[in-house]
Amino acid sequence: MQVETTPNLFILYTLKEGVTPEQFEEWVRTTDQPAMRGLARVQSFRTYRAERLLMGEGAPGVAYIEAFAIPDLEGFTNEDMGGETVQKVMGEFMGLVEAPQFIVTSEVK
């Protein structure tokens, strides 16, 4: 049994004006997830909808959060990022979202 790597890349973003959550989530299910999950270096990839704040008033500062577990992040960055699959998905993604933050993380142990 393969042990899943802790997520080490998070992407936080909102949708561009005119893009509905329904349109975006359909694209996630039919294009984004199948393409990114099909890459050998991507061990897991999930997209989460930011629904509400647990504490405090107002709405979350982002609409969606993506969590990737990519054990070979250097290989992904050097090889997969420039490849046809990622470039196609990223081109479409950037047309749908506003101000994405790509955050590389490491777990505090």
PDB file of N, CA and C in Angstrom:
ATOM      1  N   MET A   1       0.832  -1.177   0.000  1.00  0.00           N
ATOM      2  CA  MET A   1       0.000   0.000   0.000  1.00  0.00           C
ATOM      3  C   MET A   1       0.881   1.248   0.000  1.00  0.00           C
ATOM      4  N   GLN A   2       0.604   2.170  -0.904  1.00  0.00           N
ATOM      5  CA  GLN A   2       1.389   3.387  -1.016  1.00  0.00           C
ATOM      6  C   GLN A   2       0.909   4.414   0.005  1.00  0.00           C
ATOM      7  N   VAL A   3       1.849   5.017   0.715  1.00  0.00           N
ATOM      8  CA  VAL A   3       1.519   6.052   1.684  1.00  0.00           C
ATOM      9  C   VAL A   3       1.449   7.385   0.952  1.00  0.00           C
ATOM     10  N   GLU A   4       0.369   8.105   1.176  1.00  0.00           N
ATOM     11  CA  GLU A   4       0.205   9.386   0.496  1.00  0.00           C
ATOM     12  C   GLU A   4       1.106  10.441   1.124  1.00  0.00           C
ATOM     13  N   THR A   5       1.776  11.185   0.271  1.00  0.00           N
ATOM     14  CA  THR A   5       2.619  12.282   0.708  1.00  0.00           C
ATOM     15  C   THR A   5       1.742  13.428   1.205  1.00  0.00           C
ATOM     16  N   THR A   6       2.218  14.114   2.221  1.00  0.00           N
ATOM     17  CA  THR A   6       1.520  15.304   2.704  1.00  0.00           C
ATOM     18  C   THR A   6       1.472  16.332   1.576  1.00  0.00           C
ATOM     19  N   PRO A   7       0.345  17.011   1.396  1.00  0.00           N
ATOM     20  CA  PRO A   7       0.301  18.040   0.343  1.00  0.00           C
ATOM     21  C   PRO A   7       1.431  19.050   0.522  1.00  0.00           C
ATOM     22  N   ASN A   8       2.075  19.400  -0.588  1.00  0.00           N
ATOM     23  CA  ASN A   8       3.193  20.333  -0.528  1.00  0.00           C
ATOM     24  C   ASN A   8       3.052  21.497  -1.505  1.00  0.00           C
ATOM     25  N   LEU A   9       1.917  21.585  -2.174  1.00  0.00           N
ATOM     26  CA  LEU A   9       1.637  22.734  -3.031  1.00  0.00           C
ATOM     27  C   LEU A   9       0.164  23.069  -2.871  1.00  0.00           C
ATOM     28  N   PHE A  10      -0.087  24.309  -2.503  1.00  0.00           N
ATOM     29  CA  PHE A  10      -1.458  24.794  -2.384  1.00  0.00           C
ATOM     30  C   PHE A  10      -1.631  25.967  -3.335  1.00  0.00           C
ATOM     31  N   ILE A  11      -2.794  26.035  -3.961  1.00  0.00           N
ATOM     32  CA  ILE A  11      -3.121  27.167  -4.821  1.00  0.00           C
ATOM     33  C   ILE A  11      -4.409  27.770  -4.282  1.00  0.00           C
ATOM     34  N   LEU A  12      -4.365  29.052  -3.966  1.00  0.00           N
ATOM     35  CA  LEU A  12      -5.513  29.775  -3.424  1.00  0.00           C
ATOM     36  C   LEU A  12      -5.933  30.827  -4.438  1.00  0.00           C
ATOM     37  N   TYR A  13      -7.248  30.946  -4.674  1.00  0.00           N
ATOM     38  CA  TYR A  13      -7.692  31.895  -5.694  1.00  0.00           C
ATOM     39  C   TYR A  13      -9.181  32.170  -5.598  1.00  0.00           C
ATOM     40  N   THR A  14      -9.591  33.202  -6.334  1.00  0.00           N
ATOM     41  CA  THR A  14     -10.998  33.530  -6.530  1.00  0.00           C
ATOM     42  C   THR A  14     -11.292  33.381  -8.017  1.00  0.00           C
ATOM     43  N   LEU A  15     -12.553  33.415  -8.368  1.00  0.00           N
ATOM     44  CA  LEU A  15     -12.940  33.323  -9.776  1.00  0.00           C
ATOM     45  C   LEU A  15     -12.975  34.705 -10.404  1.00  0.00           C
ATOM     46  N   LYS A  16     -12.677  34.753 -11.690  1.00  0.00           N
ATOM     47  CA  LYS A  16     -12.792  36.011 -12.429  1.00  0.00           C
ATOM     48  C   LYS A  16     -14.254  36.411 -12.518  1.00  0.00           C
ATOM     49  N   GLU A  17     -14.476  37.701 -12.635  1.00  0.00           N
ATOM     50  CA  GLU A  17     -15.830  38.201 -12.802  1.00  0.00           C
ATOM     51  C   GLU A  17     -16.450  37.565 -14.043  1.00  0.00           C
ATOM     52  N   GLY A  18     -17.670  37.102 -13.912  1.00  0.00           N
ATOM     53  CA  GLY A  18     -18.371  36.470 -15.024  1.00  0.00           C
ATOM     54  C   GLY A  18     -18.250  34.957 -15.065  1.00  0.00           C
ATOM     55  N   VAL A  19     -17.330  34.385 -14.280  1.00  0.00           N
ATOM     56  CA  VAL A  19     -17.185  32.928 -14.206  1.00  0.00           C
ATOM     57  C   VAL A  19     -18.008  32.449 -13.009  1.00  0.00           C
ATOM     58  N   THR A  20     -18.980  31.589 -13.259  1.00  0.00           N
ATOM     59  CA  THR A  20     -19.818  31.095 -12.166  1.00  0.00           C
ATOM     60  C   THR A  20     -19.167  29.885 -11.496  1.00  0.00           C
ATOM     61  N   PRO A  21     -19.485  29.656 -10.230  1.00  0.00           N
ATOM     62  CA  PRO A  21     -18.969  28.455  -9.565  1.00  0.00           C
ATOM     63  C   PRO A  21     -19.356  27.181 -10.313  1.00  0.00           C
ATOM     64  N   GLU A  22     -20.561  27.135 -10.855  1.00  0.00           N
ATOM     65  CA  GLU A  22     -21.009  25.942 -11.590  1.00  0.00           C
ATOM     66  C   GLU A  22     -20.140  25.695 -12.821  1.00  0.00           C
ATOM     67  N   GLN A  23     -19.850  26.747 -13.577  1.00  0.00           N
ATOM     68  CA  GLN A  23     -18.987  26.616 -14.762  1.00  0.00           C
ATOM     69  C   GLN A  23     -17.595  26.145 -14.350  1.00  0.00           C
ATOM     70  N   PHE A  24     -17.054  26.790 -13.332  1.00  0.00           N
ATOM     71  CA  PHE A  24     -15.708  26.463 -12.894  1.00  0.00           C
ATOM     72  C   PHE A  24     -15.615  25.033 -12.377  1.00  0.00           C
ATOM     73  N   GLU A  25     -16.554  24.630 -11.544  1.00  0.00           N
ATOM     74  CA  GLU A  25     -16.500  23.290 -10.960  1.00  0.00           C
ATOM     75  C   GLU A  25     -16.701  22.203 -12.008  1.00  0.00           C
ATOM     76  N   GLU A  26     -17.468  22.477 -13.034  1.00  0.00           N
ATOM     77  CA  GLU A  26     -17.596  21.524 -14.150  1.00  0.00           C
ATOM     78  C   GLU A  26     -16.253  21.381 -14.856  1.00  0.00           C
ATOM     79  N   TRP A  27     -15.564  22.491 -15.080  1.00  0.00           N
ATOM     80  CA  TRP A  27     -14.235  22.460 -15.705  1.00  0.00           C
ATOM     81  C   TRP A  27     -13.256  21.680 -14.818  1.00  0.00           C
ATOM     82  N   VAL A  28     -13.325  21.898 -13.510  1.00  0.00           N
ATOM     83  CA  VAL A  28     -12.448  21.166 -12.583  1.00  0.00           C
ATOM     84  C   VAL A  28     -12.667  19.665 -12.731  1.00  0.00           C
ATOM     85  N   ARG A  29     -13.936  19.245 -12.723  1.00  0.00           N
ATOM     86  CA  ARG A  29     -14.252  17.802 -12.788  1.00  0.00           C
ATOM     87  C   ARG A  29     -13.898  17.180 -14.141  1.00  0.00           C
ATOM     88  N   THR A  30     -14.108  17.905 -15.225  1.00  0.00           N
ATOM     89  CA  THR A  30     -13.946  17.310 -16.559  1.00  0.00           C
ATOM     90  C   THR A  30     -12.579  17.535 -17.191  1.00  0.00           C
ATOM     91  N   THR A  31     -11.867  18.567 -16.772  1.00  0.00           N
ATOM     92  CA  THR A  31     -10.588  18.899 -17.403  1.00  0.00           C
ATOM     93  C   THR A  31      -9.426  18.896 -16.416  1.00  0.00           C
ATOM     94  N   ASP A  32      -9.517  19.736 -15.405  1.00  0.00           N
ATOM     95  CA  ASP A  32      -8.407  19.959 -14.479  1.00  0.00           C
ATOM     96  C   ASP A  32      -8.015  18.690 -13.724  1.00  0.00           C
ATOM     97  N   GLN A  33      -8.962  18.094 -13.021  1.00  0.00           N
ATOM     98  CA  GLN A  33      -8.632  16.912 -12.225  1.00  0.00           C
ATOM     99  C   GLN A  33      -8.146  15.735 -13.064  1.00  0.00           C
ATOM    100  N   PRO A  34      -8.825  15.373 -14.153  1.00  0.00           N
ATOM    101  CA  PRO A  34      -8.308  14.240 -14.939  1.00  0.00           C
ATOM    102  C   PRO A  34      -6.901  14.489 -15.492  1.00  0.00           C
ATOM    103  N   ALA A  35      -6.640  15.704 -15.957  1.00  0.00           N
ATOM    104  CA  ALA A  35      -5.328  16.002 -16.543  1.00  0.00           C
ATOM    105  C   ALA A  35      -4.230  15.983 -15.490  1.00  0.00           C
ATOM    106  N   MET A  36      -4.446  16.683 -14.395  1.00  0.00           N
ATOM    107  CA  MET A  36      -3.401  16.778 -13.377  1.00  0.00           C
ATOM    108  C   MET A  36      -3.208  15.460 -12.633  1.00  0.00           C
ATOM    109  N   ARG A  37      -4.280  14.750 -12.382  1.00  0.00           N
ATOM    110  CA  ARG A  37      -4.162  13.449 -11.709  1.00  0.00           C
ATOM    111  C   ARG A  37      -3.510  12.408 -12.613  1.00  0.00           C
ATOM    112  N   GLY A  38      -3.500  12.654 -13.904  1.00  0.00           N
ATOM    113  CA  GLY A  38      -2.881  11.736 -14.850  1.00  0.00           C
ATOM    114  C   GLY A  38      -1.373  11.874 -14.940  1.00  0.00           C
ATOM    115  N   LEU A  39      -0.812  12.913 -14.337  1.00  0.00           N
ATOM    116  CA  LEU A  39       0.637  13.107 -14.361  1.00  0.00           C
ATOM    117  C   LEU A  39       1.296  12.183 -13.340  1.00  0.00           C
ATOM    118  N   ALA A  40       2.355  11.515 -13.748  1.00  0.00           N
ATOM    119  CA  ALA A  40       3.014  10.525 -12.891  1.00  0.00           C
ATOM    120  C   ALA A  40       3.522  11.117 -11.580  1.00  0.00           C
ATOM    121  N   ARG A  41       3.983  12.350 -11.597  1.00  0.00           N
ATOM    122  CA  ARG A  41       4.554  12.951 -10.385  1.00  0.00           C
ATOM    123  C   ARG A  41       3.495  13.452  -9.401  1.00  0.00           C
ATOM    124  N   VAL A  42       2.256  13.579  -9.845  1.00  0.00           N
ATOM    125  CA  VAL A  42       1.191  14.067  -8.959  1.00  0.00           C
ATOM    126  C   VAL A  42       0.578  12.873  -8.235  1.00  0.00           C
ATOM    127  N   GLN A  43       0.881  12.757  -6.957  1.00  0.00           N
ATOM    128  CA  GLN A  43       0.366  11.636  -6.170  1.00  0.00           C
ATOM    129  C   GLN A  43      -1.094  11.861  -5.800  1.00  0.00           C
ATOM    130  N   SER A  44      -1.447  13.097  -5.468  1.00  0.00           N
ATOM    131  CA  SER A  44      -2.852  13.414  -5.219  1.00  0.00           C
ATOM    132  C   SER A  44      -3.104  14.875  -5.553  1.00  0.00           C
ATOM    133  N   PHE A  45      -4.339  15.166  -5.900  1.00  0.00           N
ATOM    134  CA  PHE A  45      -4.757  16.518  -6.256  1.00  0.00           C
ATOM    135  C   PHE A  45      -6.234  16.645  -5.936  1.00  0.00           C
ATOM    136  N   ARG A  46      -6.547  17.612  -5.093  1.00  0.00           N
ATOM    137  CA  ARG A  46      -7.940  17.848  -4.714  1.00  0.00           C
ATOM    138  C   ARG A  46      -8.230  19.343  -4.775  1.00  0.00           C
ATOM    139  N   THR A  47      -9.455  19.670  -5.142  1.00  0.00           N
ATOM    140  CA  THR A  47      -9.910  21.057  -5.168  1.00  0.00           C
ATOM    141  C   THR A  47     -10.993  21.220  -4.112  1.00  0.00           C
ATOM    142  N   TYR A  48     -10.848  22.253  -3.301  1.00  0.00           N
ATOM    143  CA  TYR A  48     -11.790  22.518  -2.217  1.00  0.00           C
ATOM    144  C   TYR A  48     -12.452  23.879  -2.415  1.00  0.00           C
ATOM    145  N   ARG A  49     -13.728  23.937  -2.120  1.00  0.00           N
ATOM    146  CA  ARG A  49     -14.494  25.185  -2.154  1.00  0.00           C
ATOM    147  C   ARG A  49     -14.398  25.814  -0.758  1.00  0.00           C
ATOM    148  N   ALA A  50     -13.994  27.072  -0.673  1.00  0.00           N
ATOM    149  CA  ALA A  50     -13.971  27.782   0.611  1.00  0.00           C
ATOM    150  C   ALA A  50     -15.394  28.244   0.898  1.00  0.00           C
ATOM    151  N   GLU A  51     -16.005  27.681   1.930  1.00  0.00           N
ATOM    152  CA  GLU A  51     -17.422  27.927   2.176  1.00  0.00           C
ATOM    153  C   GLU A  51     -17.697  29.033   3.179  1.00  0.00           C
ATOM    154  N   ARG A  52     -16.933  29.078   4.258  1.00  0.00           N
ATOM    155  CA  ARG A  52     -17.204  30.090   5.282  1.00  0.00           C
ATOM    156  C   ARG A  52     -16.022  30.169   6.235  1.00  0.00           C
ATOM    157  N   LEU A  53     -16.012  31.212   7.028  1.00  0.00           N
ATOM    158  CA  LEU A  53     -15.022  31.343   8.083  1.00  0.00           C
ATOM    159  C   LEU A  53     -15.510  30.591   9.310  1.00  0.00           C
ATOM    160  N   LEU A  54     -14.633  29.922   9.985  1.00  0.00           N
ATOM    161  CA  LEU A  54     -14.996  29.240  11.221  1.00  0.00           C
ATOM    162  C   LEU A  54     -15.214  30.258  12.338  1.00  0.00           C
ATOM    163  N   MET A  55     -14.377  31.297  12.340  1.00  0.00           N
ATOM    164  CA  MET A  55     -14.489  32.346  13.354  1.00  0.00           C
ATOM    165  C   MET A  55     -14.415  33.696  12.656  1.00  0.00           C
ATOM    166  N   GLY A  56     -15.090  34.666  13.201  1.00  0.00           N
ATOM    167  CA  GLY A  56     -15.050  36.007  12.642  1.00  0.00           C
ATOM    168  C   GLY A  56     -16.184  36.250  11.669  1.00  0.00           C
ATOM    169  N   GLU A  57     -16.245  37.473  11.217  1.00  0.00           N
ATOM    170  CA  GLU A  57     -17.301  37.914  10.315  1.00  0.00           C
ATOM    171  C   GLU A  57     -16.810  37.933   8.877  1.00  0.00           C
ATOM    172  N   GLY A  58     -17.753  37.930   7.950  1.00  0.00           N
ATOM    173  CA  GLY A  58     -17.426  38.074   6.544  1.00  0.00           C
ATOM    174  C   GLY A  58     -17.193  36.751   5.847  1.00  0.00           C
ATOM    175  N   ALA A  59     -16.679  36.866   4.650  1.00  0.00           N
ATOM    176  CA  ALA A  59     -16.432  35.704   3.796  1.00  0.00           C
ATOM    177  C   ALA A  59     -14.934  35.414   3.730  1.00  0.00           C
ATOM    178  N   PRO A  60     -14.564  34.184   3.377  1.00  0.00           N
ATOM    179  CA  PRO A  60     -13.145  33.877   3.184  1.00  0.00           C
ATOM    180  C   PRO A  60     -12.539  34.778   2.105  1.00  0.00           C
ATOM    181  N   GLY A  61     -11.250  35.007   2.191  1.00  0.00           N
ATOM    182  CA  GLY A  61     -10.556  35.836   1.214  1.00  0.00           C
ATOM    183  C   GLY A  61     -10.294  35.138  -0.106  1.00  0.00           C
ATOM    184  N   VAL A  62     -10.558  33.845  -0.172  1.00  0.00           N
ATOM    185  CA  VAL A  62     -10.407  33.074  -1.406  1.00  0.00           C
ATOM    186  C   VAL A  62     -11.671  32.260  -1.622  1.00  0.00           C
ATOM    187  N   ALA A  63     -11.895  31.847  -2.865  1.00  0.00           N
ATOM    188  CA  ALA A  63     -13.073  31.035  -3.185  1.00  0.00           C
ATOM    189  C   ALA A  63     -12.740  29.546  -3.252  1.00  0.00           C
ATOM    190  N   TYR A  64     -11.506  29.221  -3.660  1.00  0.00           N
ATOM    191  CA  TYR A  64     -11.102  27.821  -3.833  1.00  0.00           C
ATOM    192  C   TYR A  64      -9.673  27.629  -3.360  1.00  0.00           C
ATOM    193  N   ILE A  65      -9.397  26.406  -2.942  1.00  0.00           N
ATOM    194  CA  ILE A  65      -8.057  26.004  -2.529  1.00  0.00           C
ATOM    195  C   ILE A  65      -7.772  24.653  -3.168  1.00  0.00           C
ATOM    196  N   GLU A  66      -6.642  24.558  -3.851  1.00  0.00           N
ATOM    197  CA  GLU A  66      -6.213  23.284  -4.431  1.00  0.00           C
ATOM    198  C   GLU A  66      -5.054  22.759  -3.600  1.00  0.00           C
ATOM    199  N   ALA A  67      -5.050  21.466  -3.351  1.00  0.00           N
ATOM    200  CA  ALA A  67      -3.987  20.825  -2.581  1.00  0.00           C
ATOM    201  C   ALA A  67      -3.370  19.713  -3.425  1.00  0.00           C
ATOM    202  N   PHE A  68      -2.074  19.814  -3.647  1.00  0.00           N
ATOM    203  CA  PHE A  68      -1.322  18.822  -4.409  1.00  0.00           C
ATOM    204  C   PHE A  68      -0.329  18.121  -3.498  1.00  0.00           C
ATOM    205  N   ALA A  69      -0.163  16.823  -3.677  1.00  0.00           N
ATOM    206  CA  ALA A  69       0.944  16.075  -3.086  1.00  0.00           C
ATOM    207  C   ALA A  69       1.824  15.651  -4.256  1.00  0.00           C
ATOM    208  N   ILE A  70       3.004  16.256  -4.331  1.00  0.00           N
ATOM    209  CA  ILE A  70       3.938  15.996  -5.430  1.00  0.00           C
ATOM    210  C   ILE A  70       5.290  15.661  -4.806  1.00  0.00           C
ATOM    211  N   PRO A  71       5.581  14.364  -4.603  1.00  0.00           N
ATOM    212  CA  PRO A  71       6.836  13.981  -3.956  1.00  0.00           C
ATOM    213  C   PRO A  71       8.079  14.529  -4.665  1.00  0.00           C
ATOM    214  N   ASP A  72       8.089  14.537  -5.993  1.00  0.00           N
ATOM    215  CA  ASP A  72       9.226  15.048  -6.765  1.00  0.00           C
ATOM    216  C   ASP A  72       8.853  16.422  -7.318  1.00  0.00           C
ATOM    217  N   LEU A  73       8.794  17.411  -6.425  1.00  0.00           N
ATOM    218  CA  LEU A  73       8.376  18.752  -6.832  1.00  0.00           C
ATOM    219  C   LEU A  73       9.368  19.377  -7.805  1.00  0.00           C
ATOM    220  N   GLU A  74      10.649  19.106  -7.625  1.00  0.00           N
ATOM    221  CA  GLU A  74      11.663  19.647  -8.532  1.00  0.00           C
ATOM    222  C   GLU A  74      11.474  19.084  -9.942  1.00  0.00           C
ATOM    223  N   GLY A  75      11.245  17.785 -10.052  1.00  0.00           N
ATOM    224  CA  GLY A  75      10.991  17.180 -11.359  1.00  0.00           C
ATOM    225  C   GLY A  75       9.721  17.719 -11.983  1.00  0.00           C
ATOM    226  N   PHE A  76       8.684  17.911 -11.174  1.00  0.00           N
ATOM    227  CA  PHE A  76       7.429  18.475 -11.664  1.00  0.00           C
ATOM    228  C   PHE A  76       7.669  19.878 -12.219  1.00  0.00           C
ATOM    229  N   THR A  77       8.396  20.694 -11.452  1.00  0.00           N
ATOM    230  CA  THR A  77       8.671  22.067 -11.870  1.00  0.00           C
ATOM    231  C   THR A  77       9.533  22.106 -13.129  1.00  0.00           C
ATOM    232  N   ASN A  78      10.577  21.297 -13.165  1.00  0.00           N
ATOM    233  CA  ASN A  78      11.523  21.331 -14.281  1.00  0.00           C
ATOM    234  C   ASN A  78      11.015  20.653 -15.542  1.00  0.00           C
ATOM    235  N   GLU A  79      10.176  19.627 -15.407  1.00  0.00           N
ATOM    236  CA  GLU A  79       9.752  18.864 -16.575  1.00  0.00           C
ATOM    237  C   GLU A  79       8.266  18.990 -16.878  1.00  0.00           C
ATOM    238  N   ASP A  80       7.411  18.731 -15.889  1.00  0.00           N
ATOM    239  CA  ASP A  80       5.969  18.725 -16.151  1.00  0.00           C
ATOM    240  C   ASP A  80       5.400  20.115 -16.403  1.00  0.00           C
ATOM    241  N   MET A  81       5.886  21.121 -15.689  1.00  0.00           N
ATOM    242  CA  MET A  81       5.325  22.469 -15.824  1.00  0.00           C
ATOM    243  C   MET A  81       5.408  22.985 -17.259  1.00  0.00           C
ATOM    244  N   GLY A  82       6.457  22.647 -17.958  1.00  0.00           N
ATOM    245  CA  GLY A  82       6.613  23.099 -19.337  1.00  0.00           C
ATOM    246  C   GLY A  82       5.967  22.191 -20.360  1.00  0.00           C
ATOM    247  N   GLY A  83       5.433  21.065 -19.917  1.00  0.00           N
ATOM    248  CA  GLY A  83       4.842  20.088 -20.828  1.00  0.00           C
ATOM    249  C   GLY A  83       3.475  20.508 -21.337  1.00  0.00           C
ATOM    250  N   GLU A  84       3.042  19.843 -22.377  1.00  0.00           N
ATOM    251  CA  GLU A  84       1.789  20.175 -23.053  1.00  0.00           C
ATOM    252  C   GLU A  84       0.579  20.088 -22.122  1.00  0.00           C
ATOM    253  N   THR A  85       0.504  19.052 -21.302  1.00  0.00           N
ATOM    254  CA  THR A  85      -0.656  18.870 -20.422  1.00  0.00           C
ATOM    255  C   THR A  85      -0.798  20.033 -19.453  1.00  0.00           C
ATOM    256  N   VAL A  86       0.268  20.339 -18.719  1.00  0.00           N
ATOM    257  CA  VAL A  86       0.202  21.405 -17.719  1.00  0.00           C
ATOM    258  C   VAL A  86      -0.005  22.758 -18.391  1.00  0.00           C
ATOM    259  N   GLN A  87       0.665  22.995 -19.503  1.00  0.00           N
ATOM    260  CA  GLN A  87       0.514  24.284 -20.187  1.00  0.00           C
ATOM    261  C   GLN A  87      -0.921  24.505 -20.666  1.00  0.00           C
ATOM    262  N   LYS A  88      -1.551  23.463 -21.181  1.00  0.00           N
ATOM    263  CA  LYS A  88      -2.940  23.572 -21.645  1.00  0.00           C
ATOM    264  C   LYS A  88      -3.871  23.859 -20.473  1.00  0.00           C
ATOM    265  N   VAL A  89      -3.729  23.089 -19.402  1.00  0.00           N
ATOM    266  CA  VAL A  89      -4.578  23.276 -18.222  1.00  0.00           C
ATOM    267  C   VAL A  89      -4.334  24.654 -17.603  1.00  0.00           C
ATOM    268  N   MET A  90      -3.077  25.054 -17.484  1.00  0.00           N
ATOM    269  CA  MET A  90      -2.761  26.354 -16.885  1.00  0.00           C
ATOM    270  C   MET A  90      -3.316  27.505 -17.717  1.00  0.00           C
ATOM    271  N   GLY A  91      -3.263  27.380 -19.032  1.00  0.00           N
ATOM    272  CA  GLY A  91      -3.823  28.420 -19.892  1.00  0.00           C
ATOM    273  C   GLY A  91      -5.306  28.602 -19.641  1.00  0.00           C
ATOM    274  N   GLU A  92      -6.031  27.496 -19.552  1.00  0.00           N
ATOM    275  CA  GLU A  92      -7.467  27.559 -19.280  1.00  0.00           C
ATOM    276  C   GLU A  92      -7.719  28.066 -17.857  1.00  0.00           C
ATOM    277  N   PHE A  93      -6.956  27.557 -16.904  1.00  0.00           N
ATOM    278  CA  PHE A  93      -7.088  27.940 -15.497  1.00  0.00           C
ATOM    279  C   PHE A  93      -6.933  29.449 -15.322  1.00  0.00           C
ATOM    280  N   MET A  94      -5.908  30.019 -15.940  1.00  0.00           N
ATOM    281  CA  MET A  94      -5.641  31.447 -15.790  1.00  0.00           C
ATOM    282  C   MET A  94      -6.741  32.304 -16.416  1.00  0.00           C
ATOM    283  N   GLY A  95      -7.497  31.739 -17.347  1.00  0.00           N
ATOM    284  CA  GLY A  95      -8.629  32.448 -17.924  1.00  0.00           C
ATOM    285  C   GLY A  95      -9.867  32.419 -17.041  1.00  0.00           C
ATOM    286  N   LEU A  96      -9.862  31.576 -16.016  1.00  0.00           N
ATOM    287  CA  LEU A  96     -11.020  31.408 -15.137  1.00  0.00           C
ATOM    288  C   LEU A  96     -10.844  32.028 -13.757  1.00  0.00           C
ATOM    289  N   VAL A  97      -9.604  32.155 -13.306  1.00  0.00           N
ATOM    290  CA  VAL A  97      -9.366  32.566 -11.922  1.00  0.00           C
ATOM    291  C   VAL A  97      -8.646  33.905 -11.836  1.00  0.00           C
ATOM    292  N   GLU A  98      -8.786  34.511 -10.671  1.00  0.00           N
ATOM    293  CA  GLU A  98      -8.196  35.814 -10.389  1.00  0.00           C
ATOM    294  C   GLU A  98      -7.127  35.669  -9.320  1.00  0.00           C
ATOM    295  N   ALA A  99      -5.966  36.236  -9.569  1.00  0.00           N
ATOM    296  CA  ALA A  99      -4.887  36.354  -8.579  1.00  0.00           C
ATOM    297  C   ALA A  99      -4.552  35.055  -7.846  1.00  0.00           C
ATOM    298  N   PRO A 100      -4.243  33.975  -8.570  1.00  0.00           N
ATOM    299  CA  PRO A 100      -3.889  32.737  -7.866  1.00  0.00           C
ATOM    300  C   PRO A 100      -2.545  32.868  -7.144  1.00  0.00           C
ATOM    301  N   GLN A 101      -2.477  32.279  -5.969  1.00  0.00           N
ATOM    302  CA  GLN A 101      -1.227  32.202  -5.218  1.00  0.00           C
ATOM    303  C   GLN A 101      -0.787  30.745  -5.203  1.00  0.00           C
ATOM    304  N   PHE A 102       0.391  30.473  -5.727  1.00  0.00           N
ATOM    305  CA  PHE A 102       0.956  29.126  -5.762  1.00  0.00           C
ATOM    306  C   PHE A 102       1.937  29.034  -4.589  1.00  0.00           C
ATOM    307  N   ILE A 103       1.579  28.268  -3.568  1.00  0.00           N
ATOM    308  CA  ILE A 103       2.351  28.252  -2.330  1.00  0.00           C
ATOM    309  C   ILE A 103       2.942  26.863  -2.095  1.00  0.00           C
ATOM    310  N   VAL A 104       4.270  26.791  -2.084  1.00  0.00           N
ATOM    311  CA  VAL A 104       4.973  25.547  -1.779  1.00  0.00           C
ATOM    312  C   VAL A 104       5.129  25.483  -0.260  1.00  0.00           C
ATOM    313  N   THR A 105       4.794  24.331   0.315  1.00  0.00           N
ATOM    314  CA  THR A 105       4.808  24.189   1.769  1.00  0.00           C
ATOM    315  C   THR A 105       5.621  22.980   2.207  1.00  0.00           C
ATOM    316  N   SER A 106       5.951  22.977   3.477  1.00  0.00           N
ATOM    317  CA  SER A 106       6.518  21.788   4.107  1.00  0.00           C
ATOM    318  C   SER A 106       5.876  21.661   5.482  1.00  0.00           C
ATOM    319  N   GLU A 107       5.670  20.434   5.896  1.00  0.00           N
ATOM    320  CA  GLU A 107       5.008  20.166   7.162  1.00  0.00           C
ATOM    321  C   GLU A 107       5.934  20.455   8.337  1.00  0.00           C
ATOM    322  N   VAL A 108       5.399  21.093   9.348  1.00  0.00           N
ATOM    323  CA  VAL A 108       6.139  21.310  10.588  1.00  0.00           C
ATOM    324  C   VAL A 108       6.025  20.031  11.404  1.00  0.00           C
ATOM    325  N   LYS A 109       7.172  19.449  11.736  1.00  0.00           N
ATOM    326  CA  LYS A 109       7.175  18.178  12.474  1.00  0.00           C
ATOM    327  C   LYS A 109       7.879  18.348  13.794  1.00  0.00           C
TER     328      LYS A 109
END
